[in-house]
Amino acid sequence: MDDLAERIGALWDGRDDLAAVMPERAARDAVHEAIDRLDRGEARVAELVDGDVVVHEWLKQAVLLLFRLEAMETIELGPFEYRDKIRLKNDYEKAGVRVVPGASARWGSYLAPGVVMMPSYVNIGAHVGADTMVDTWATVGSCAQIGERVHLSGGVGIGGVLEPPQAAPVFVGDDTMIGSRCIVAEGARVGTGVVLGSGCILNGSVPVYDAETGAELSRGAVPDWCVAIAATRPKSFPGGEFGLPCVLVVKRITEGERHEKGRINEILREHGVAT
C-alpha cells in the first residue's frame, strides 16, 4: 500500500472528524490525487487477478470522501446548467474519446482511447476499456469495470456500487455485446466474448443455466464465449407458481463466430431474441 492509500485510509477511519486527522487542504489534496488517478486510468477500483475479483477499498473510500469534502456548485455548459458536487470530465480530444452531445462522464471515471459515448452516462469510479461503444441512453454505474471492444447497446443499465467499500462491482469482459435494455448489476460478471441477448436481467443472485444440460452454471456470472438470453424459471409461492428471471446459455461460440455479426444474429433469431 503506497503513502496515498495510507492517507486515504486514515481519513476514512476518521471521517466523522476529518479536521482531527489532517488539515482540510491536505485532506482535499489527497482525495483529489486519488480521484485523478482513477480519472487517468492509473488506478482502478477493482481488477481480476487469476479469475478472482480484487477490490481496492481505499479508492472507493476516496470517492466517498470526495462527496463529504465537495460543496454543491452550479456548472454551466453552453445552454445547459447542472448542480452537483462532482465536475464532469474534459479534454476528450487529448484522451482520444468521442463524446456525442447529450453524453456525460463524471470526473474520476476512465474512458480509454477509442471509446465512443452516444447520449449516455458514465459515473465516477467506472473504467471503460478501449474501443468500447456506450450506446444511446446506456448507463455505466459507479465503479463498474467494462472491458475493451465492448458494445453496451441502447438503454443498457450497468449497475454501480460504492458502499460498502469492499463490495465487488460489475465486470464485463473484452469483446462482449450487451443487448438492448439489459440490466447487469450487484457485482454480476459477464465473461469475455459473450453475447447477452436483449432484455436480460443479471445480478449476483440470478442463476445462469446451460440450455443443453439444464445445469446451473453459476449465480450472477455468464461464462466466456457464449450466447446467453433472457429466460424464466418456475418458483412456487403460497399464491401460486411464478416465473422468476434467469439467464440461459444457448450456444458456445468461438472467437471467430463472435466477430461474425451475421452468425450471431442468426443464433439470436433462432431463440426468438431481437437483434
C-alpha atoms as a PDB file:
ATOM      1  CA  MET A   1       0.000   0.000   0.000  1.00  0.00           C
ATOM      2  CA  ASP A   2       1.520   3.327  -1.006  1.00  0.00           C
ATOM      3  CA  ASP A   3       1.531   6.525   1.039  1.00  0.00           C
ATOM      4  CA  LEU A   4      -1.580   7.872  -0.692  1.00  0.00           C
ATOM      5  CA  ALA A   5      -3.562   4.751   0.179  1.00  0.00           C
ATOM      6  CA  GLU A   6      -2.450   5.086   3.811  1.00  0.00           C
ATOM      7  CA  ARG A   7      -3.532   8.734   3.920  1.00  0.00           C
ATOM      8  CA  ILE A   8      -6.927   7.883   2.425  1.00  0.00           C
ATOM      9  CA  GLY A   9      -7.313   5.038   4.914  1.00  0.00           C
ATOM     10  CA  ALA A  10      -6.556   7.381   7.816  1.00  0.00           C
ATOM     11  CA  LEU A  11      -9.090   9.903   6.544  1.00  0.00           C
ATOM     12  CA  TRP A  12     -11.693   7.187   6.160  1.00  0.00           C
ATOM     13  CA  ASP A  13     -11.155   5.918   9.695  1.00  0.00           C
ATOM     14  CA  GLY A  14     -11.556   9.477  10.995  1.00  0.00           C
ATOM     15  CA  ARG A  15     -14.258  10.529   8.538  1.00  0.00           C
ATOM     16  CA  ASP A  16     -16.568  11.822  11.256  1.00  0.00           C
ATOM     17  CA  ASP A  17     -13.996  14.482  12.149  1.00  0.00           C
ATOM     18  CA  LEU A  18     -11.615  14.916   9.223  1.00  0.00           C
ATOM     19  CA  ALA A  19     -10.040  18.043  10.711  1.00  0.00           C
ATOM     20  CA  ALA A  20      -8.664  15.924  13.554  1.00  0.00           C
ATOM     21  CA  VAL A  21      -6.835  13.728  11.037  1.00  0.00           C
ATOM     22  CA  MET A  22      -5.222  16.369   8.826  1.00  0.00           C
ATOM     23  CA  PRO A  23      -5.842  19.949   7.653  1.00  0.00           C
ATOM     24  CA  GLU A  24      -8.720  20.365   5.205  1.00  0.00           C
ATOM     25  CA  ARG A  25      -6.419  21.403   2.340  1.00  0.00           C
ATOM     26  CA  ALA A  26      -4.215  18.336   2.830  1.00  0.00           C
ATOM     27  CA  ALA A  27      -7.265  16.068   3.025  1.00  0.00           C
ATOM     28  CA  ARG A  28      -8.710  17.559  -0.149  1.00  0.00           C
ATOM     29  CA  ASP A  29      -5.369  17.221  -1.964  1.00  0.00           C
ATOM     30  CA  ALA A  30      -5.074  13.545  -1.009  1.00  0.00           C
ATOM     31  CA  VAL A  31      -8.600  12.733  -2.114  1.00  0.00           C
ATOM     32  CA  HIS A  32      -8.217  14.691  -5.368  1.00  0.00           C
ATOM     33  CA  GLU A  33      -4.970  12.853  -6.153  1.00  0.00           C
ATOM     34  CA  ALA A  34      -6.765   9.514  -5.754  1.00  0.00           C
ATOM     35  CA  ILE A  35      -9.646  10.633  -7.985  1.00  0.00           C
ATOM     36  CA  ASP A  36      -7.190  11.935 -10.572  1.00  0.00           C
ATOM     37  CA  ARG A  37      -5.532   8.503 -10.689  1.00  0.00           C
ATOM     38  CA  LEU A  38      -8.908   6.930 -11.408  1.00  0.00           C
ATOM     39  CA  ASP A  39      -9.660   9.601 -14.000  1.00  0.00           C
ATOM     40  CA  ARG A  40      -6.393   8.924 -15.862  1.00  0.00           C
ATOM     41  CA  GLY A  41      -6.725   5.155 -15.645  1.00  0.00           C
ATOM     42  CA  GLU A  42      -3.600   4.852 -13.491  1.00  0.00           C
ATOM     43  CA  ALA A  43      -5.644   3.112 -10.806  1.00  0.00           C
ATOM     44  CA  ARG A  44      -8.898   1.211 -10.806  1.00  0.00           C
ATOM     45  CA  VAL A  45     -11.357   0.349  -8.102  1.00  0.00           C
ATOM     46  CA  ALA A  46     -11.220  -3.375  -8.823  1.00  0.00           C
ATOM     47  CA  GLU A  47      -9.456  -5.849 -11.087  1.00  0.00           C
ATOM     48  CA  LEU A  48      -9.444  -9.542 -11.894  1.00  0.00           C
ATOM     49  CA  VAL A  49      -6.442 -11.465 -10.579  1.00  0.00           C
ATOM     50  CA  ASP A  50      -6.336 -15.134 -11.608  1.00  0.00           C
ATOM     51  CA  GLY A  51     -10.083 -15.037 -12.103  1.00  0.00           C
ATOM     52  CA  ASP A  52     -10.857 -13.527  -8.709  1.00  0.00           C
ATOM     53  CA  VAL A  53     -12.136 -10.003  -8.099  1.00  0.00           C
ATOM     54  CA  VAL A  54      -9.761  -7.864  -6.055  1.00  0.00           C
ATOM     55  CA  VAL A  55     -11.348  -4.657  -4.737  1.00  0.00           C
ATOM     56  CA  HIS A  56      -9.065  -1.745  -3.833  1.00  0.00           C
ATOM     57  CA  GLU A  57     -11.164  -0.427  -0.996  1.00  0.00           C
ATOM     58  CA  TRP A  58      -9.124   2.731  -0.434  1.00  0.00           C
ATOM     59  CA  LEU A  59     -10.097   4.053  -3.859  1.00  0.00           C
ATOM     60  CA  LYS A  60     -13.775   3.556  -3.066  1.00  0.00           C
ATOM     61  CA  GLN A  61     -13.157   5.290   0.238  1.00  0.00           C
ATOM     62  CA  ALA A  62     -11.626   8.215  -1.665  1.00  0.00           C
ATOM     63  CA  VAL A  63     -14.763   8.533  -3.797  1.00  0.00           C
ATOM     64  CA  LEU A  64     -16.998   8.525  -0.718  1.00  0.00           C
ATOM     65  CA  LEU A  65     -14.755  11.091   0.999  1.00  0.00           C
ATOM     66  CA  LEU A  66     -14.985  13.297  -2.077  1.00  0.00           C
ATOM     67  CA  PHE A  67     -18.725  13.649  -1.549  1.00  0.00           C
ATOM     68  CA  ARG A  68     -18.063  14.779   2.029  1.00  0.00           C
ATOM     69  CA  LEU A  69     -15.439  17.327   1.029  1.00  0.00           C
ATOM     70  CA  GLU A  70     -17.025  18.927  -2.020  1.00  0.00           C
ATOM     71  CA  ALA A  71     -19.764  21.549  -1.934  1.00  0.00           C
ATOM     72  CA  MET A  72     -22.649  21.870  -4.345  1.00  0.00           C
ATOM     73  CA  GLU A  73     -21.976  24.245  -7.249  1.00  0.00           C
ATOM     74  CA  THR A  74     -23.624  25.323 -10.452  1.00  0.00           C
ATOM     75  CA  ILE A  75     -21.995  24.056 -13.642  1.00  0.00           C
ATOM     76  CA  GLU A  76     -22.830  25.757 -16.930  1.00  0.00           C
ATOM     77  CA  LEU A  77     -22.105  24.145 -20.292  1.00  0.00           C
ATOM     78  CA  GLY A  78     -23.380  26.319 -23.122  1.00  0.00           C
ATOM     79  CA  PRO A  79     -27.163  26.416 -22.745  1.00  0.00           C
ATOM     80  CA  PHE A  80     -27.133  23.601 -20.172  1.00  0.00           C
ATOM     81  CA  GLU A  81     -26.951  24.035 -16.413  1.00  0.00           C
ATOM     82  CA  TYR A  82     -26.208  21.423 -13.768  1.00  0.00           C
ATOM     83  CA  ARG A  83     -25.881  21.495  -9.988  1.00  0.00           C
ATOM     84  CA  ASP A  84     -23.672  18.894  -8.389  1.00  0.00           C
ATOM     85  CA  LYS A  85     -20.663  18.233  -6.165  1.00  0.00           C
ATOM     86  CA  ILE A  86     -18.556  16.455  -8.804  1.00  0.00           C
ATOM     87  CA  ARG A  87     -17.383  18.104 -12.005  1.00  0.00           C
ATOM     88  CA  LEU A  88     -17.548  16.435 -15.403  1.00  0.00           C
ATOM     89  CA  LYS A  89     -14.638  15.000 -17.369  1.00  0.00           C
ATOM     90  CA  ASN A  90     -12.983  17.097 -20.059  1.00  0.00           C
ATOM     91  CA  ASP A  91     -10.103  17.024 -22.572  1.00  0.00           C
ATOM     92  CA  TYR A  92     -11.768  14.305 -24.648  1.00  0.00           C
ATOM     93  CA  GLU A  93      -9.738  15.091 -27.762  1.00  0.00           C
ATOM     94  CA  LYS A  94      -6.490  14.540 -25.855  1.00  0.00           C
ATOM     95  CA  ALA A  95      -7.892  11.281 -24.483  1.00  0.00           C
ATOM     96  CA  GLY A  96      -8.858  10.048 -27.967  1.00  0.00           C
ATOM     97  CA  VAL A  97     -12.510   9.688 -26.972  1.00  0.00           C
ATOM     98  CA  ARG A  98     -15.621  10.579 -28.987  1.00  0.00           C
ATOM     99  CA  VAL A  99     -18.462  12.062 -26.939  1.00  0.00           C
ATOM    100  CA  VAL A 100     -21.724  12.915 -28.711  1.00  0.00           C
ATOM    101  CA  PRO A 101     -23.742  15.891 -27.385  1.00  0.00           C
ATOM    102  CA  GLY A 102     -26.016  14.709 -24.603  1.00  0.00           C
ATOM    103  CA  ALA A 103     -23.411  12.308 -23.191  1.00  0.00           C
ATOM    104  CA  SER A 104     -21.546  12.966 -19.972  1.00  0.00           C
ATOM    105  CA  ALA A 105     -18.980  11.281 -17.784  1.00  0.00           C
ATOM    106  CA  ARG A 106     -18.009  12.290 -14.273  1.00  0.00           C
ATOM    107  CA  TRP A 107     -14.508  13.196 -13.167  1.00  0.00           C
ATOM    108  CA  GLY A 108     -12.968  10.070 -11.675  1.00  0.00           C
ATOM    109  CA  SER A 109     -14.244   7.767 -14.399  1.00  0.00           C
ATOM    110  CA  TYR A 110     -11.808   6.469 -17.009  1.00  0.00           C
ATOM    111  CA  LEU A 111     -12.511   6.335 -20.734  1.00  0.00           C
ATOM    112  CA  ALA A 112      -9.764   4.624 -22.730  1.00  0.00           C
ATOM    113  CA  PRO A 113      -8.758   5.739 -26.239  1.00  0.00           C
ATOM    114  CA  GLY A 114     -11.339   4.814 -28.871  1.00  0.00           C
ATOM    115  CA  VAL A 115     -14.331   4.886 -26.528  1.00  0.00           C
ATOM    116  CA  VAL A 116     -17.488   6.279 -28.133  1.00  0.00           C
ATOM    117  CA  MET A 117     -20.247   7.722 -25.957  1.00  0.00           C
ATOM    118  CA  MET A 118     -23.593   8.309 -27.582  1.00  0.00           C
ATOM    119  CA  PRO A 119     -26.025  10.269 -25.362  1.00  0.00           C
ATOM    120  CA  SER A 120     -25.272   8.222 -22.249  1.00  0.00           C
ATOM    121  CA  TYR A 121     -23.705   8.440 -18.807  1.00  0.00           C
ATOM    122  CA  VAL A 122     -20.587   7.093 -17.079  1.00  0.00           C
ATOM    123  CA  ASN A 123     -20.333   7.559 -13.315  1.00  0.00           C
ATOM    124  CA  ILE A 124     -17.345   8.165 -11.046  1.00  0.00           C
ATOM    125  CA  GLY A 125     -15.015   5.224 -10.451  1.00  0.00           C
ATOM    126  CA  ALA A 126     -16.078   3.394 -13.615  1.00  0.00           C
ATOM    127  CA  HIS A 127     -13.424   2.057 -16.001  1.00  0.00           C
ATOM    128  CA  VAL A 128     -14.336   1.733 -19.696  1.00  0.00           C
ATOM    129  CA  GLY A 129     -11.855  -0.079 -21.945  1.00  0.00           C
ATOM    130  CA  ALA A 130     -10.503   0.883 -25.344  1.00  0.00           C
ATOM    131  CA  ASP A 131     -12.766   0.962 -28.416  1.00  0.00           C
ATOM    132  CA  THR A 132     -15.918   0.373 -26.391  1.00  0.00           C
ATOM    133  CA  MET A 133     -19.271   1.815 -27.502  1.00  0.00           C
ATOM    134  CA  VAL A 134     -21.594   3.185 -24.812  1.00  0.00           C
ATOM    135  CA  ASP A 135     -24.736   3.467 -26.893  1.00  0.00           C
ATOM    136  CA  THR A 136     -27.767   5.726 -26.573  1.00  0.00           C
ATOM    137  CA  TRP A 137     -29.220   6.006 -23.052  1.00  0.00           C
ATOM    138  CA  ALA A 138     -26.888   3.358 -21.690  1.00  0.00           C
ATOM    139  CA  THR A 139     -25.553   3.997 -18.198  1.00  0.00           C
ATOM    140  CA  VAL A 140     -22.343   2.771 -16.600  1.00  0.00           C
ATOM    141  CA  GLY A 141     -22.701   2.917 -12.829  1.00  0.00           C
ATOM    142  CA  SER A 142     -20.126   3.940 -10.260  1.00  0.00           C
ATOM    143  CA  CYS A 143     -17.049   1.699 -10.169  1.00  0.00           C
ATOM    144  CA  ALA A 144     -18.304  -0.672 -12.926  1.00  0.00           C
ATOM    145  CA  GLN A 145     -15.480  -2.279 -14.889  1.00  0.00           C
ATOM    146  CA  ILE A 146     -16.080  -2.557 -18.656  1.00  0.00           C
ATOM    147  CA  GLY A 147     -13.614  -4.307 -20.963  1.00  0.00           C
ATOM    148  CA  GLU A 148     -12.218  -3.452 -24.383  1.00  0.00           C
ATOM    149  CA  ARG A 149     -14.200  -3.618 -27.652  1.00  0.00           C
ATOM    150  CA  VAL A 150     -17.484  -3.932 -25.754  1.00  0.00           C
ATOM    151  CA  HIS A 151     -20.832  -2.766 -27.131  1.00  0.00           C
ATOM    152  CA  LEU A 152     -23.271  -1.592 -24.483  1.00  0.00           C
ATOM    153  CA  SER A 153     -26.426  -1.361 -26.587  1.00  0.00           C
ATOM    154  CA  GLY A 154     -29.203   1.196 -26.264  1.00  0.00           C
ATOM    155  CA  GLY A 155     -30.729   1.525 -22.818  1.00  0.00           C
ATOM    156  CA  VAL A 156     -28.364  -0.916 -21.095  1.00  0.00           C
ATOM    157  CA  GLY A 157     -28.121  -0.378 -17.346  1.00  0.00           C
ATOM    158  CA  ILE A 158     -24.800  -1.342 -15.787  1.00  0.00           C
ATOM    159  CA  GLY A 159     -25.274  -1.036 -12.048  1.00  0.00           C
ATOM    160  CA  GLY A 160     -22.888   0.775  -9.749  1.00  0.00           C
ATOM    161  CA  VAL A 161     -21.714   0.185  -6.208  1.00  0.00           C
ATOM    162  CA  LEU A 162     -19.919   2.426  -3.732  1.00  0.00           C
ATOM    163  CA  GLU A 163     -20.968   1.110  -0.345  1.00  0.00           C
ATOM    164  CA  PRO A 164     -19.843  -0.926   1.384  1.00  0.00           C
ATOM    165  CA  PRO A 165     -16.294  -0.203   0.144  1.00  0.00           C
ATOM    166  CA  GLN A 166     -15.441  -3.914  -0.044  1.00  0.00           C
ATOM    167  CA  ALA A 167     -18.380  -4.742  -2.351  1.00  0.00           C
ATOM    168  CA  ALA A 168     -17.360  -6.013  -5.797  1.00  0.00           C
ATOM    169  CA  PRO A 169     -18.516  -4.010  -8.829  1.00  0.00           C
ATOM    170  CA  VAL A 170     -19.899  -5.315 -12.123  1.00  0.00           C
ATOM    171  CA  PHE A 171     -17.295  -6.746 -14.520  1.00  0.00           C
ATOM    172  CA  VAL A 172     -17.867  -7.016 -18.277  1.00  0.00           C
ATOM    173  CA  GLY A 173     -15.155  -8.812 -20.253  1.00  0.00           C
ATOM    174  CA  ASP A 174     -13.497  -7.855 -23.533  1.00  0.00           C
ATOM    175  CA  ASP A 175     -15.216  -8.399 -26.906  1.00  0.00           C
ATOM    176  CA  THR A 176     -18.661  -8.605 -25.322  1.00  0.00           C
ATOM    177  CA  MET A 177     -22.014  -7.356 -26.596  1.00  0.00           C
ATOM    178  CA  ILE A 178     -24.689  -6.469 -24.053  1.00  0.00           C
ATOM    179  CA  GLY A 179     -28.068  -6.364 -25.816  1.00  0.00           C
ATOM    180  CA  SER A 180     -30.578  -3.544 -25.654  1.00  0.00           C
ATOM    181  CA  ARG A 181     -32.283  -2.887 -22.293  1.00  0.00           C
ATOM    182  CA  CYS A 182     -30.253  -5.447 -20.372  1.00  0.00           C
ATOM    183  CA  ILE A 183     -29.692  -4.820 -16.668  1.00  0.00           C
ATOM    184  CA  VAL A 184     -26.394  -6.028 -15.199  1.00  0.00           C
ATOM    185  CA  ALA A 185     -25.985  -5.129 -11.530  1.00  0.00           C
ATOM    186  CA  GLU A 186     -24.944  -6.115  -7.994  1.00  0.00           C
ATOM    187  CA  GLY A 187     -21.473  -7.396  -8.793  1.00  0.00           C
ATOM    188  CA  ALA A 188     -22.530  -9.615 -11.706  1.00  0.00           C
ATOM    189  CA  ARG A 189     -19.868 -10.783 -14.145  1.00  0.00           C
ATOM    190  CA  VAL A 190     -20.144 -11.155 -17.902  1.00  0.00           C
ATOM    191  CA  GLY A 191     -17.239 -13.065 -19.399  1.00  0.00           C
ATOM    192  CA  THR A 192     -15.044 -12.409 -22.413  1.00  0.00           C
ATOM    193  CA  GLY A 193     -16.646 -12.762 -25.842  1.00  0.00           C
ATOM    194  CA  VAL A 194     -20.198 -13.032 -24.533  1.00  0.00           C
ATOM    195  CA  VAL A 195     -23.309 -12.041 -26.470  1.00  0.00           C
ATOM    196  CA  LEU A 196     -26.021 -11.217 -23.945  1.00  0.00           C
ATOM    197  CA  GLY A 197     -29.394 -11.076 -25.692  1.00  0.00           C
ATOM    198  CA  SER A 198     -31.679  -8.102 -25.229  1.00  0.00           C
ATOM    199  CA  GLY A 199     -33.685  -7.739 -22.036  1.00  0.00           C
ATOM    200  CA  CYS A 200     -31.565  -9.941 -19.767  1.00  0.00           C
ATOM    201  CA  ILE A 201     -31.594  -9.266 -16.041  1.00  0.00           C
ATOM    202  CA  LEU A 202     -28.386 -10.365 -14.366  1.00  0.00           C
ATOM    203  CA  ASN A 203     -27.377  -9.676 -10.793  1.00  0.00           C
ATOM    204  CA  GLY A 204     -25.486 -11.539  -8.124  1.00  0.00           C
ATOM    205  CA  SER A 205     -28.410 -13.808  -7.267  1.00  0.00           C
ATOM    206  CA  VAL A 206     -29.830 -14.547 -10.742  1.00  0.00           C
ATOM    207  CA  PRO A 207     -28.993 -18.120 -11.828  1.00  0.00           C
ATOM    208  CA  VAL A 208     -27.324 -18.865 -15.144  1.00  0.00           C
ATOM    209  CA  TYR A 209     -28.309 -22.205 -16.732  1.00  0.00           C
ATOM    210  CA  ASP A 210     -26.947 -24.335 -19.563  1.00  0.00           C
ATOM    211  CA  ALA A 211     -29.721 -24.920 -22.123  1.00  0.00           C
ATOM    212  CA  GLU A 212     -28.296 -28.280 -23.233  1.00  0.00           C
ATOM    213  CA  THR A 213     -27.936 -29.905 -19.809  1.00  0.00           C
ATOM    214  CA  GLY A 214     -30.228 -27.842 -17.593  1.00  0.00           C
ATOM    215  CA  ALA A 215     -27.382 -27.480 -15.117  1.00  0.00           C
ATOM    216  CA  GLU A 216     -26.993 -24.309 -13.107  1.00  0.00           C
ATOM    217  CA  LEU A 217     -23.636 -22.873 -14.111  1.00  0.00           C
ATOM    218  CA  SER A 218     -23.428 -20.055 -11.580  1.00  0.00           C
ATOM    219  CA  ARG A 219     -25.201 -17.261  -9.821  1.00  0.00           C
ATOM    220  CA  GLY A 220     -24.635 -13.897 -11.465  1.00  0.00           C
ATOM    221  CA  ALA A 221     -21.834 -14.893 -13.838  1.00  0.00           C
ATOM    222  CA  VAL A 222     -22.026 -15.666 -17.577  1.00  0.00           C
ATOM    223  CA  PRO A 223     -19.082 -17.779 -18.802  1.00  0.00           C
ATOM    224  CA  ASP A 224     -16.695 -16.759 -21.586  1.00  0.00           C
ATOM    225  CA  TRP A 225     -17.518 -17.172 -25.275  1.00  0.00           C
ATOM    226  CA  CYS A 226     -21.186 -17.939 -25.294  1.00  0.00           C
ATOM    227  CA  VAL A 227     -24.572 -16.597 -26.369  1.00  0.00           C
ATOM    228  CA  ALA A 228     -26.982 -16.127 -23.463  1.00  0.00           C
ATOM    229  CA  ILE A 229     -30.588 -14.965 -23.459  1.00  0.00           C
ATOM    230  CA  ALA A 230     -33.282 -13.917 -21.004  1.00  0.00           C
ATOM    231  CA  ALA A 231     -35.444 -16.731 -19.639  1.00  0.00           C
ATOM    232  CA  THR A 232     -37.555 -17.593 -16.610  1.00  0.00           C
ATOM    233  CA  ARG A 233     -37.548 -20.375 -14.052  1.00  0.00           C
ATOM    234  CA  PRO A 234     -40.637 -21.585 -12.153  1.00  0.00           C
ATOM    235  CA  LYS A 235     -40.859 -20.967  -8.437  1.00  0.00           C
ATOM    236  CA  SER A 236     -43.742 -21.816  -6.141  1.00  0.00           C
ATOM    237  CA  PHE A 237     -45.196 -19.333  -3.673  1.00  0.00           C
ATOM    238  CA  PRO A 238     -48.270 -19.551  -1.427  1.00  0.00           C
ATOM    239  CA  GLY A 239     -50.159 -17.577  -4.070  1.00  0.00           C
ATOM    240  CA  GLY A 240     -49.143 -19.841  -6.942  1.00  0.00           C
ATOM    241  CA  GLU A 241     -46.281 -20.635  -9.282  1.00  0.00           C
ATOM    242  CA  PHE A 242     -44.476 -17.744 -10.932  1.00  0.00           C
ATOM    243  CA  GLY A 243     -41.642 -17.346 -13.397  1.00  0.00           C
ATOM    244  CA  LEU A 244     -38.543 -15.633 -11.992  1.00  0.00           C
ATOM    245  CA  PRO A 245     -35.770 -14.289 -14.233  1.00  0.00           C
ATOM    246  CA  CYS A 246     -32.753 -16.327 -15.170  1.00  0.00           C
ATOM    247  CA  VAL A 247     -30.163 -16.294 -17.932  1.00  0.00           C
ATOM    248  CA  LEU A 248     -29.894 -19.228 -20.342  1.00  0.00           C
ATOM    249  CA  VAL A 249     -26.682 -20.119 -22.191  1.00  0.00           C
ATOM    250  CA  VAL A 250     -27.950 -21.354 -25.543  1.00  0.00           C
ATOM    251  CA  LYS A 251     -24.738 -21.598 -27.542  1.00  0.00           C
ATOM    252  CA  ARG A 252     -20.991 -21.878 -27.000  1.00  0.00           C
ATOM    253  CA  ILE A 253     -19.133 -19.914 -29.636  1.00  0.00           C
ATOM    254  CA  THR A 254     -15.622 -19.456 -30.918  1.00  0.00           C
ATOM    255  CA  GLU A 255     -13.797 -16.160 -31.151  1.00  0.00           C
ATOM    256  CA  GLY A 256     -14.345 -16.211 -34.911  1.00  0.00           C
ATOM    257  CA  GLU A 257     -18.106 -16.687 -34.556  1.00  0.00           C
ATOM    258  CA  ARG A 258     -18.315 -13.876 -32.022  1.00  0.00           C
ATOM    259  CA  HIS A 259     -16.957 -11.406 -34.558  1.00  0.00           C
ATOM    260  CA  GLU A 260     -19.249 -12.622 -37.358  1.00  0.00           C
ATOM    261  CA  LYS A 261     -22.302 -10.433 -36.847  1.00  0.00           C
ATOM    262  CA  GLY A 262     -24.499 -12.376 -39.273  1.00  0.00           C
ATOM    263  CA  ARG A 263     -23.866 -15.634 -37.423  1.00  0.00           C
ATOM    264  CA  ILE A 264     -24.645 -14.060 -34.057  1.00  0.00           C
ATOM    265  CA  ASN A 265     -27.888 -12.551 -35.390  1.00  0.00           C
ATOM    266  CA  GLU A 266     -28.861 -15.979 -36.725  1.00  0.00           C
ATOM    267  CA  ILE A 267     -28.263 -17.623 -33.326  1.00  0.00           C
ATOM    268  CA  LEU A 268     -30.346 -14.991 -31.543  1.00  0.00           C
ATOM    269  CA  ARG A 269     -33.182 -15.210 -34.063  1.00  0.00           C
ATOM    270  CA  GLU A 270     -33.303 -18.984 -33.609  1.00  0.00           C
ATOM    271  CA  HIS A 271     -34.249 -18.318 -29.992  1.00  0.00           C
ATOM    272  CA  GLY A 272     -36.703 -15.509 -30.682  1.00  0.00           C
ATOM    273  CA  VAL A 273     -34.438 -12.719 -29.454  1.00  0.00           C
ATOM    274  CA  ALA A 274     -34.404  -9.356 -31.214  1.00  0.00           C
ATOM    275  CA  THR A 275     -31.029  -8.250 -32.551  1.00  0.00           C
END
